Amino acid sequence: MPKPHAKDQMMKDHIANWQNSGLTQTAYCRQAGINRDHINYYKKKFAQRDNRSKHHQLVPASIKDKSPITNINKHL
């Protein structure tokens, strides 16, 4: 059995090939000899991964008050 990341890449390739093939998903899967449920599973998996990475990106921030903090212990 391929390593998990190798299988992910294989399924990414299948999804791309199917989308570029002009075939229905069912026809592509029959022709490629793969289970249609596997493509659906990996499509969802990759979509979730993409959504998570979009929500966890660093964004630039700026500091408006540039005055130095002096003796912070006084305020505690």
Protein backbone atom coordinates (compact mmCIF):
# COMPACT_ATOMS: atom_id res chain seq x y z
CA MET A 1 0.00 0.00 0.00
CA PRO A 2 1.39 3.46 -0.89
CA LYS A 3 2.44 5.85 1.86
CA PRO A 4 -0.36 8.28 2.85
CA HIS A 5 1.20 11.28 1.12
CA ALA A 6 1.83 9.21 -2.02
CA LYS A 7 -1.83 8.16 -2.11
CA ASP A 8 -2.90 11.79 -1.62
CA GLN A 9 -0.80 12.81 -4.61
CA MET A 10 -2.12 9.91 -6.68
CA MET A 11 -5.70 10.94 -5.92
CA LYS A 12 -4.92 14.62 -6.66
CA ASP A 13 -3.64 13.46 -10.04
CA HIS A 14 -6.78 11.38 -10.63
CA ILE A 15 -9.03 14.32 -9.71
CA ALA A 16 -7.11 16.65 -12.06
CA ASN A 17 -7.16 14.05 -14.85
CA TRP A 18 -10.90 13.52 -14.40
CA GLN A 19 -11.62 17.27 -14.43
CA ASN A 20 -9.57 17.68 -17.63
CA SER A 21 -10.94 14.56 -19.30
CA GLY A 22 -14.37 15.83 -20.26
CA LEU A 23 -15.81 12.59 -18.88
CA THR A 24 -18.35 12.26 -16.14
CA GLN A 25 -16.90 11.25 -12.81
CA THR A 26 -18.49 7.81 -13.14
CA ALA A 27 -17.10 7.27 -16.65
CA TYR A 28 -13.62 8.41 -15.63
CA CYS A 29 -13.58 6.13 -12.60
CA ARG A 30 -14.66 3.14 -14.68
CA GLN A 31 -11.99 3.88 -17.27
CA ALA A 32 -9.27 4.41 -14.62
CA GLY A 33 -10.37 1.40 -12.58
CA ILE A 34 -10.92 3.32 -9.37
CA ASN A 35 -13.86 3.50 -7.00
CA ARG A 36 -15.96 6.65 -7.44
CA ASP A 37 -16.40 6.86 -3.66
CA HIS A 38 -12.62 7.27 -3.33
CA ILE A 39 -12.62 10.32 -5.59
CA ASN A 40 -15.52 11.81 -3.62
CA TYR A 41 -13.72 11.14 -0.32
CA TYR A 42 -10.50 12.79 -1.51
CA LYS A 43 -12.33 15.74 -3.09
CA LYS A 44 -13.91 16.46 0.30
CA LYS A 45 -10.63 15.86 2.14
CA PHE A 46 -8.71 18.27 -0.09
CA ALA A 47 -11.50 20.89 0.07
CA GLN A 48 -11.48 20.76 3.88
CA ARG A 49 -7.70 21.06 3.93
CA ASP A 50 -7.86 24.05 1.57
CA ASN A 51 -10.54 25.72 3.71
CA ARG A 52 -8.49 25.22 6.88
CA SER A 53 -5.38 26.68 5.30
CA LYS A 54 -7.36 29.73 4.10
CA HIS A 55 -8.61 30.39 7.63
CA HIS A 56 -5.20 30.02 9.27
CA GLN A 57 -3.10 32.45 7.34
CA LEU A 58 -0.98 35.16 8.85
CA VAL A 59 -2.16 38.67 8.17
CA PRO A 60 -0.18 41.87 8.49
CA ALA A 61 -0.79 43.98 11.57
CA SER A 62 0.33 47.43 12.56
CA ILE A 63 0.85 49.05 15.93
CA LYS A 64 -0.85 52.42 16.21
CA ASP A 65 0.54 53.54 19.58
CA LYS A 66 4.31 53.44 19.19
CA SER A 67 5.10 54.89 22.62
CA PRO A 68 7.36 52.62 24.69
CA ILE A 69 5.91 50.80 27.65
CA THR A 70 7.57 52.04 30.80
CA ASN A 71 7.47 50.30 34.14
CA ILE A 72 4.64 47.91 33.30
CA ASN A 73 4.68 46.58 36.87
CA LYS A 74 3.09 49.82 38.17
CA HIS A 75 -0.12 48.97 36.36
CA LEU A 76 -0.42 45.38 37.56
